[in-house]
Amino acid sequence: MSDLQTEPKEELKESPERPMDAGSQALSEALKSSFGIVKFLLYGLLILFACSGFFQVGPNQQAVILRLGKPVGEGQAALKGSGVYASWPYPIDENIKVSVTGVQYASSTSGWYATTPAQEAAGTEPPPGGSLNPAQDGYVVTADGNIIHSRARVAFHVSDPIRFLFGFENAAKAITNAMDTALVYAAAHYNVDDILTRDIIGFREAVQRQFTALAQKQNLGITVEQCAVQSIPPRQQQVKDAFANVLKAEVTRSKVLNEAHSYENQVLSRANADAASRINQAESERVQRVNEVASRAEQFKALLPSYNANPKLFVQQRLTETLGRVFTNAQDKILVPEDADGSRFENRLMFNRELPKPKQEPAQ
């Protein structure tokens, strides 16, 4: 029995190995190649995963590295300027970039009627309806109790990235809420005519001032560049016609006032020119009269020593000079003699001067 049990074992040991068939050998080689490719891909993915932690910050940007949701560093030390940085790959680390010089925009439409960007781009508007629907259309109330549609768009840049990124759960929403508040506040302090026609620039500046004050008070981490405001009356036809009539009256009023101011300026210009001309003429006459009086005074002052030396001789000389000037063009001269005591003779003569005869033309 023992010999019979050992013989099969010896036969198994001495039996040769079966050769692998061609299909099995091809499958084995294919599996080896596939494992090599998979291994190569895994190494490549591992390298890419390790390199994904490198990031670059642009010259107009700042970045913050979040490690498991918390910033690495505190305050300004957490900010990364322009350059290349290394961090742990996501999801361990995450980098957030913020443009600190680029201009960003935010809009407030809480006071505007319901519309879509596609409708505005196409130039179409939804129908206004019979009356304003507060559930759909936004509006603001003016200081004199009127209702208008108004919206604002502000341009800003981030001045404090830490506060902008981590001070609020949604900084964009906080900025929009501040704009809504500023728009409603400014509208409540302006009359409807000032907002729509008379003081459009003043209303826009009031909205910007209020928004800037709120941004500083709430520490939004932004700096306001400029603000644009658009306001229109309600779109319902009856109210729209009433506002149109008021606007027409305002335009007519402005035209009449401008014409009155123009006429006023013309009249004032003519009056000023006339006054200046009369003043110049009076000044010229004054100078001429002063010069004439001064010349006569100088003449009398020069003759005064001669008169003081011999008054009678001075009078006789002046009389002779005067008579000489008078007699120069006189046709008849009559001399009345004097008595020895100086009294004159009374000598009366009557004569009629013969009229000159007309000239006779010589006979032909």
Protein backbone atom coordinates (compact mmCIF):
# COMPACT_ATOMS: atom_id res chain seq x y z
CA MET A 1 0.00 0.00 0.00
CA SER A 2 2.81 2.36 0.79
CA ASP A 3 4.43 1.74 -2.57
CA LEU A 4 1.18 2.43 -4.33
CA GLN A 5 0.76 5.79 -2.51
CA THR A 6 4.23 7.08 -3.26
CA GLU A 7 4.24 6.35 -6.93
CA PRO A 8 1.79 9.10 -7.97
CA LYS A 9 3.87 11.67 -6.07
CA GLU A 10 6.93 10.74 -7.95
CA GLU A 11 5.03 10.99 -11.22
CA LEU A 12 3.88 14.55 -10.36
CA LYS A 13 7.39 15.74 -9.60
CA GLU A 14 8.77 14.36 -12.76
CA SER A 15 5.98 15.70 -15.08
CA PRO A 16 7.24 18.66 -17.24
CA GLU A 17 5.55 22.25 -17.16
CA ARG A 18 2.95 22.99 -19.78
CA PRO A 19 3.96 25.69 -22.26
CA MET A 20 1.82 29.02 -22.14
CA ASP A 21 -0.36 29.42 -25.16
CA ALA A 22 -0.09 32.46 -27.47
CA GLY A 23 -3.27 34.16 -26.19
CA SER A 24 -2.21 34.05 -22.56
CA GLN A 25 1.22 35.35 -23.42
CA ALA A 26 -0.25 38.28 -25.39
CA LEU A 27 -2.61 39.12 -22.52
CA SER A 28 0.26 39.08 -20.05
CA GLU A 29 2.34 41.42 -22.19
CA ALA A 30 -0.67 43.74 -22.69
CA LEU A 31 -1.25 43.91 -18.93
CA LYS A 32 2.40 44.72 -18.32
CA SER A 33 2.26 47.56 -20.91
CA SER A 34 -1.00 48.89 -19.45
CA PHE A 35 0.40 48.89 -15.94
CA GLY A 36 3.42 50.84 -17.25
CA ILE A 37 1.23 53.45 -18.88
CA VAL A 38 -0.96 53.76 -15.81
CA LYS A 39 2.12 54.11 -13.64
CA PHE A 40 3.47 56.84 -15.96
CA LEU A 41 0.16 58.67 -15.88
CA LEU A 42 0.00 58.43 -12.11
CA TYR A 43 3.49 59.90 -11.81
CA GLY A 44 2.52 62.66 -14.26
CA LEU A 45 -0.64 63.46 -12.31
CA LEU A 46 1.35 63.48 -9.10
CA ILE A 47 3.81 65.98 -10.60
CA LEU A 48 0.96 68.14 -11.92
CA PHE A 49 -0.75 68.02 -8.54
CA ALA A 50 2.47 69.13 -6.83
CA CYS A 51 3.02 71.95 -9.38
CA SER A 52 -0.57 73.19 -9.05
CA GLY A 53 0.44 74.90 -5.85
CA PHE A 54 2.52 77.47 -7.78
CA PHE A 55 0.66 80.63 -8.85
CA GLN A 56 1.54 84.06 -10.21
CA VAL A 57 0.22 87.44 -9.05
CA GLY A 58 0.03 90.20 -11.68
CA PRO A 59 1.50 93.71 -11.26
CA ASN A 60 -1.95 95.24 -10.60
CA GLN A 61 -3.10 92.47 -8.27
CA GLN A 62 -2.76 91.25 -4.71
CA ALA A 63 -3.45 87.71 -3.53
CA VAL A 64 -4.34 85.93 -0.30
CA ILE A 65 -3.54 82.25 0.41
CA LEU A 66 -6.26 80.35 2.23
CA ARG A 67 -5.17 77.21 4.06
CA LEU A 68 -8.14 75.05 4.94
CA GLY A 69 -10.35 78.14 4.56
CA LYS A 70 -8.26 80.51 6.73
CA PRO A 71 -5.84 83.19 5.45
CA VAL A 72 -2.14 82.49 5.91
CA GLY A 73 -0.86 85.45 7.90
CA GLU A 74 -2.61 88.40 9.50
CA GLY A 75 -3.35 91.90 8.23
CA GLN A 76 -1.07 93.22 5.53
CA ALA A 77 1.27 90.26 6.02
CA ALA A 78 -1.36 88.04 4.42
CA LEU A 79 -1.28 90.04 1.17
CA LYS A 80 0.97 88.82 -1.62
CA GLY A 81 2.22 91.36 -4.14
CA SER A 82 3.21 90.76 -7.74
CA GLY A 83 5.40 87.68 -8.27
CA VAL A 84 5.40 83.87 -8.26
CA TYR A 85 4.45 81.98 -5.08
CA ALA A 86 4.26 78.36 -3.94
CA SER A 87 1.51 76.86 -1.81
CA TRP A 88 0.00 73.50 -1.06
CA PRO A 89 -2.19 72.19 -3.85
CA TYR A 90 -5.96 72.54 -3.70
CA PRO A 91 -7.94 71.64 -1.59
CA ILE A 92 -5.34 72.21 1.12
CA ASP A 93 -4.50 75.74 -0.04
CA GLU A 94 -6.44 78.12 -2.22
CA ASN A 95 -5.30 81.47 -3.62
CA ILE A 96 -7.67 84.40 -4.20
CA LYS A 97 -6.53 87.28 -6.43
CA VAL A 98 -7.93 90.81 -6.22
CA SER A 99 -7.33 93.67 -8.66
CA VAL A 100 -6.22 96.71 -6.63
CA THR A 101 -5.90 99.20 -9.50
CA GLY A 102 -8.45 97.90 -11.98
CA VAL A 103 -11.82 99.67 -11.97
CA GLN A 104 -14.83 97.59 -10.97
CA TYR A 105 -18.51 98.47 -11.28
CA ALA A 106 -21.62 97.97 -9.18
CA SER A 107 -25.20 98.95 -9.94
CA SER A 108 -28.26 99.84 -7.89
CA THR A 109 -31.57 98.98 -9.54
CA SER A 110 -33.88 98.88 -6.53
CA GLY A 111 -35.44 102.16 -7.70
CA TRP A 112 -35.79 101.10 -11.35
CA TYR A 113 -38.69 99.42 -13.12
CA ALA A 114 -38.54 95.70 -13.89
CA THR A 115 -36.47 95.01 -17.00
CA THR A 116 -33.71 92.72 -18.22
CA PRO A 117 -30.29 93.43 -19.75
CA ALA A 118 -31.44 91.77 -22.98
CA GLN A 119 -34.42 94.13 -23.25
CA GLU A 120 -32.23 97.16 -22.59
CA ALA A 121 -29.67 96.01 -25.18
CA ALA A 122 -32.45 95.52 -27.74
CA GLY A 123 -34.00 98.90 -26.90
CA THR A 124 -37.32 97.37 -25.86
CA GLU A 125 -39.21 97.90 -22.62
CA PRO A 126 -41.86 95.84 -20.86
CA PRO A 127 -45.33 97.41 -21.01
CA PRO A 128 -45.83 99.92 -18.16
CA GLY A 129 -49.32 98.73 -17.23
CA GLY A 130 -52.18 100.80 -15.93
CA SER A 131 -50.53 101.65 -12.62
CA LEU A 132 -47.22 101.17 -10.87
CA ASN A 133 -46.84 97.70 -9.38
CA PRO A 134 -44.59 97.88 -6.28
CA ALA A 135 -44.15 94.09 -6.38
CA GLN A 136 -42.33 94.36 -9.73
CA ASP A 137 -41.29 97.97 -10.31
CA GLY A 138 -38.85 99.77 -8.06
CA TYR A 139 -39.13 103.48 -7.27
CA VAL A 140 -37.87 106.22 -4.97
CA VAL A 141 -39.84 108.93 -3.18
CA THR A 142 -38.68 112.54 -3.57
CA ALA A 143 -38.69 115.28 -0.93
CA ASP A 144 -41.97 116.74 -2.26
CA GLY A 145 -43.77 113.37 -2.18
CA ASN A 146 -43.45 112.39 -5.85
CA ILE A 147 -42.53 108.95 -7.17
CA ILE A 148 -39.86 108.46 -9.85
CA HIS A 149 -37.63 105.70 -11.20
CA SER A 150 -33.93 106.13 -10.48
CA ARG A 151 -30.84 103.93 -10.70
CA ALA A 152 -27.12 104.43 -10.10
CA ARG A 153 -23.86 102.85 -11.28
CA VAL A 154 -20.64 103.37 -9.38
CA ALA A 155 -17.05 102.77 -10.45
CA PHE A 156 -14.58 101.83 -7.69
CA HIS A 157 -11.31 100.07 -7.01
CA VAL A 158 -10.35 97.88 -4.07
CA SER A 159 -8.15 99.73 -1.58
CA ASP A 160 -8.21 97.17 1.26
CA PRO A 161 -8.26 93.60 -0.13
CA ILE A 162 -8.36 91.96 3.32
CA ARG A 163 -11.46 93.89 4.34
CA PHE A 164 -13.02 93.49 0.91
CA LEU A 165 -12.51 89.70 0.85
CA PHE A 166 -13.08 88.72 4.47
CA GLY A 167 -15.01 91.61 6.03
CA PHE A 168 -18.28 90.52 4.43
CA GLU A 169 -19.78 87.27 3.33
CA ASN A 170 -20.62 88.93 -0.01
CA ALA A 171 -18.80 92.22 -0.61
CA ALA A 172 -20.61 92.87 -3.91
CA LYS A 173 -23.97 92.59 -2.14
CA ALA A 174 -22.80 94.94 0.62
CA ILE A 175 -21.76 97.52 -1.99
CA THR A 176 -25.12 97.22 -3.77
CA ASN A 177 -27.01 97.66 -0.48
CA ALA A 178 -24.98 100.78 0.31
CA MET A 179 -25.78 102.18 -3.13
CA ASP A 180 -29.50 101.49 -2.65
CA THR A 181 -29.42 103.30 0.68
CA ALA A 182 -27.52 106.28 -0.76
CA LEU A 183 -29.94 106.60 -3.70
CA VAL A 184 -33.05 106.49 -1.51
CA TYR A 185 -31.53 108.95 0.99
CA ALA A 186 -30.50 111.47 -1.68
CA ALA A 187 -33.88 111.28 -3.44
CA ALA A 188 -35.66 112.00 -0.14
CA HIS A 189 -33.74 115.30 0.11
CA TYR A 190 -34.37 116.57 -3.45
CA ASN A 191 -37.54 117.79 -5.16
CA VAL A 192 -38.68 115.98 -8.28
CA ASP A 193 -38.03 118.96 -10.59
CA ASP A 194 -34.46 119.25 -9.31
CA ILE A 195 -33.80 115.54 -9.85
CA LEU A 196 -35.25 115.43 -13.38
CA THR A 197 -34.37 118.85 -14.84
CA ARG A 198 -33.06 121.65 -12.65
CA ASP A 199 -30.20 120.09 -10.67
CA ILE A 200 -29.32 116.73 -12.22
CA ILE A 201 -25.60 117.13 -11.49
CA GLY A 202 -26.28 118.18 -7.90
CA PHE A 203 -28.41 115.08 -7.31
CA ARG A 204 -25.72 112.82 -8.79
CA GLU A 205 -23.08 114.40 -6.55
CA ALA A 206 -25.36 113.96 -3.52
CA VAL A 207 -25.73 110.23 -4.29
CA GLN A 208 -21.95 109.87 -4.66
CA ARG A 209 -21.25 111.74 -1.41
CA GLN A 210 -23.73 109.61 0.53
CA PHE A 211 -22.39 106.36 -0.95
CA THR A 212 -18.80 107.38 -0.19
CA ALA A 213 -19.77 108.17 3.40
CA LEU A 214 -21.49 104.79 3.78
CA ALA A 215 -18.53 102.96 2.24
CA GLN A 216 -16.19 104.58 4.75
CA LYS A 217 -18.56 104.04 7.67
CA GLN A 218 -19.07 100.36 6.85
CA ASN A 219 -15.38 99.94 5.96
CA LEU A 220 -16.07 98.24 2.64
CA GLY A 221 -12.43 98.46 1.63
CA ILE A 222 -13.08 100.36 -1.63
CA THR A 223 -12.38 103.81 -3.06
CA VAL A 224 -15.10 105.44 -5.17
CA GLU A 225 -14.00 106.72 -8.59
CA GLN A 226 -17.21 108.13 -10.03
CA CYS A 227 -20.97 107.68 -9.94
CA ALA A 228 -23.60 107.87 -12.70
CA VAL A 229 -27.30 108.37 -11.94
CA GLN A 230 -30.29 108.08 -14.29
CA SER A 231 -33.78 109.25 -13.29
CA ILE A 232 -37.06 109.24 -15.22
CA PRO A 233 -40.72 109.90 -14.31
CA PRO A 234 -43.15 106.99 -13.93
CA ARG A 235 -43.91 105.26 -17.24
CA GLN A 236 -47.70 105.10 -16.85
CA GLN A 237 -49.26 107.22 -19.62
CA GLN A 238 -51.38 109.54 -17.47
CA VAL A 239 -48.54 110.32 -15.08
CA LYS A 240 -46.07 110.47 -17.96
CA ASP A 241 -48.20 113.10 -19.73
CA ALA A 242 -48.41 115.18 -16.55
CA PHE A 243 -44.64 115.07 -16.13
CA ALA A 244 -44.23 115.93 -19.83
CA ASN A 245 -46.45 119.01 -19.40
CA VAL A 246 -44.46 120.08 -16.38
CA LEU A 247 -41.23 119.58 -18.30
CA LYS A 248 -42.61 121.61 -21.23
CA ALA A 249 -43.59 124.42 -18.87
CA GLU A 250 -40.14 124.26 -17.31
CA VAL A 251 -38.51 124.52 -20.73
CA THR A 252 -40.75 127.49 -21.62
CA ARG A 253 -39.94 129.13 -18.30
CA SER A 254 -36.24 128.63 -18.84
CA LYS A 255 -36.50 130.05 -22.36
CA VAL A 256 -38.35 133.16 -21.16
CA LEU A 257 -35.88 133.65 -18.33
CA ASN A 258 -32.96 133.29 -20.71
CA GLU A 259 -34.48 135.82 -23.09
CA ALA A 260 -35.11 138.22 -20.17
CA HIS A 261 -31.55 137.80 -18.94
CA SER A 262 -30.25 138.35 -22.46
CA TYR A 263 -32.29 141.57 -22.81
CA GLU A 264 -31.15 142.63 -19.36
CA ASN A 265 -27.53 142.11 -20.34
CA GLN A 266 -28.01 144.06 -23.57
CA VAL A 267 -29.64 147.00 -21.76
CA LEU A 268 -27.00 147.00 -19.06
CA SER A 269 -24.25 146.84 -21.66
CA ARG A 270 -25.69 149.79 -23.58
CA ALA A 271 -26.23 151.76 -20.37
CA ASN A 272 -22.69 151.03 -19.19
CA ALA A 273 -21.28 152.01 -22.59
CA ASP A 274 -23.35 155.23 -22.62
CA ALA A 275 -22.32 156.03 -19.05
CA ALA A 276 -18.67 155.40 -19.86
CA SER A 277 -18.92 157.60 -22.97
CA ARG A 278 -20.51 160.47 -21.02
CA ILE A 279 -17.98 160.15 -18.23
CA ASN A 280 -15.13 160.25 -20.73
CA GLN A 281 -16.64 163.28 -22.49
CA ALA A 282 -17.17 165.08 -19.18
CA GLU A 283 -13.65 164.25 -18.12
CA SER A 284 -12.30 165.58 -21.42
CA GLU A 285 -14.29 168.81 -21.05
CA ARG A 286 -13.17 169.14 -17.45
CA VAL A 287 -9.52 168.78 -18.43
CA GLN A 288 -9.98 171.28 -21.27
CA ARG A 289 -11.73 173.82 -19.03
CA VAL A 290 -9.14 173.42 -16.26
CA ASN A 291 -6.33 173.89 -18.76
CA GLU A 292 -8.04 176.96 -20.22
CA VAL A 293 -8.61 178.54 -16.80
CA ALA A 294 -5.07 177.69 -15.79
CA SER A 295 -3.77 179.36 -18.98
CA ARG A 296 -5.86 182.48 -18.36
CA ALA A 297 -4.73 182.55 -14.77
CA GLU A 298 -1.12 182.37 -15.92
CA GLN A 299 -1.76 185.27 -18.34
CA PHE A 300 -3.34 187.45 -15.64
CA LYS A 301 -0.59 186.50 -13.26
CA ALA A 302 2.02 187.60 -15.84
CA LEU A 303 0.20 190.99 -16.42
CA LEU A 304 -0.25 191.73 -12.71
CA PRO A 305 3.23 193.31 -12.16
CA SER A 306 2.64 195.74 -15.10
CA TYR A 307 -0.72 196.76 -13.71
CA ASN A 308 0.67 197.28 -10.23
CA ALA A 309 3.50 199.43 -11.61
CA ASN A 310 1.22 201.87 -13.56
CA PRO A 311 -2.49 201.08 -13.60
CA LYS A 312 -3.51 203.97 -15.94
CA LEU A 313 -0.83 203.20 -18.48
CA PHE A 314 -1.74 199.53 -18.32
CA VAL A 315 -5.41 200.34 -18.93
CA GLN A 316 -4.58 202.70 -21.80
CA GLN A 317 -2.38 200.09 -23.47
CA ARG A 318 -5.00 197.40 -23.15
CA LEU A 319 -7.64 199.79 -24.50
CA THR A 320 -5.46 200.69 -27.47
CA GLU A 321 -4.87 197.03 -28.23
CA THR A 322 -8.58 196.30 -27.96
CA LEU A 323 -9.58 199.23 -30.18
CA GLY A 324 -6.97 198.18 -32.68
CA ARG A 325 -8.52 194.75 -32.91
CA VAL A 326 -12.02 196.25 -33.12
CA PHE A 327 -11.19 198.91 -35.71
CA THR A 328 -9.45 196.47 -37.97
CA ASN A 329 -12.69 195.44 -39.68
CA ALA A 330 -14.75 198.62 -39.00
CA GLN A 331 -15.91 200.59 -42.04
CA ASP A 332 -16.49 203.93 -40.21
CA LYS A 333 -14.52 205.28 -37.29
CA ILE A 334 -15.75 208.24 -35.19
CA LEU A 335 -13.49 209.90 -32.64
CA VAL A 336 -15.18 211.95 -29.89
CA PRO A 337 -12.77 214.61 -28.48
CA GLU A 338 -12.58 215.38 -24.81
CA ASP A 339 -12.51 218.64 -22.88
CA ALA A 340 -9.60 219.65 -20.80
CA ASP A 341 -11.30 218.32 -17.71
CA GLY A 342 -11.71 214.94 -19.34
CA SER A 343 -15.39 215.17 -20.19
CA ARG A 344 -16.52 214.36 -23.74
CA PHE A 345 -18.35 216.58 -26.17
CA GLU A 346 -21.82 215.49 -27.11
CA ASN A 347 -21.78 215.47 -30.86
CA ARG A 348 -24.78 213.99 -32.63
CA LEU A 349 -24.61 213.31 -36.34
CA MET A 350 -27.36 211.93 -38.58
CA PHE A 351 -26.55 210.68 -41.99
CA ASN A 352 -27.95 208.13 -44.31
CA ARG A 353 -25.55 206.03 -46.16
CA GLU A 354 -26.35 205.85 -49.83
CA LEU A 355 -27.08 202.38 -50.99
CA PRO A 356 -24.59 201.03 -53.46
CA LYS A 357 -25.72 201.29 -57.06
CA PRO A 358 -26.23 198.05 -58.96
CA LYS A 359 -23.66 197.26 -61.51
CA GLN A 360 -24.66 197.76 -65.14
CA GLU A 361 -23.72 195.23 -67.68
CA PRO A 362 -21.91 196.68 -70.72
CA ALA A 363 -23.96 196.98 -73.89
CA GLN A 364 -23.49 194.29 -76.46
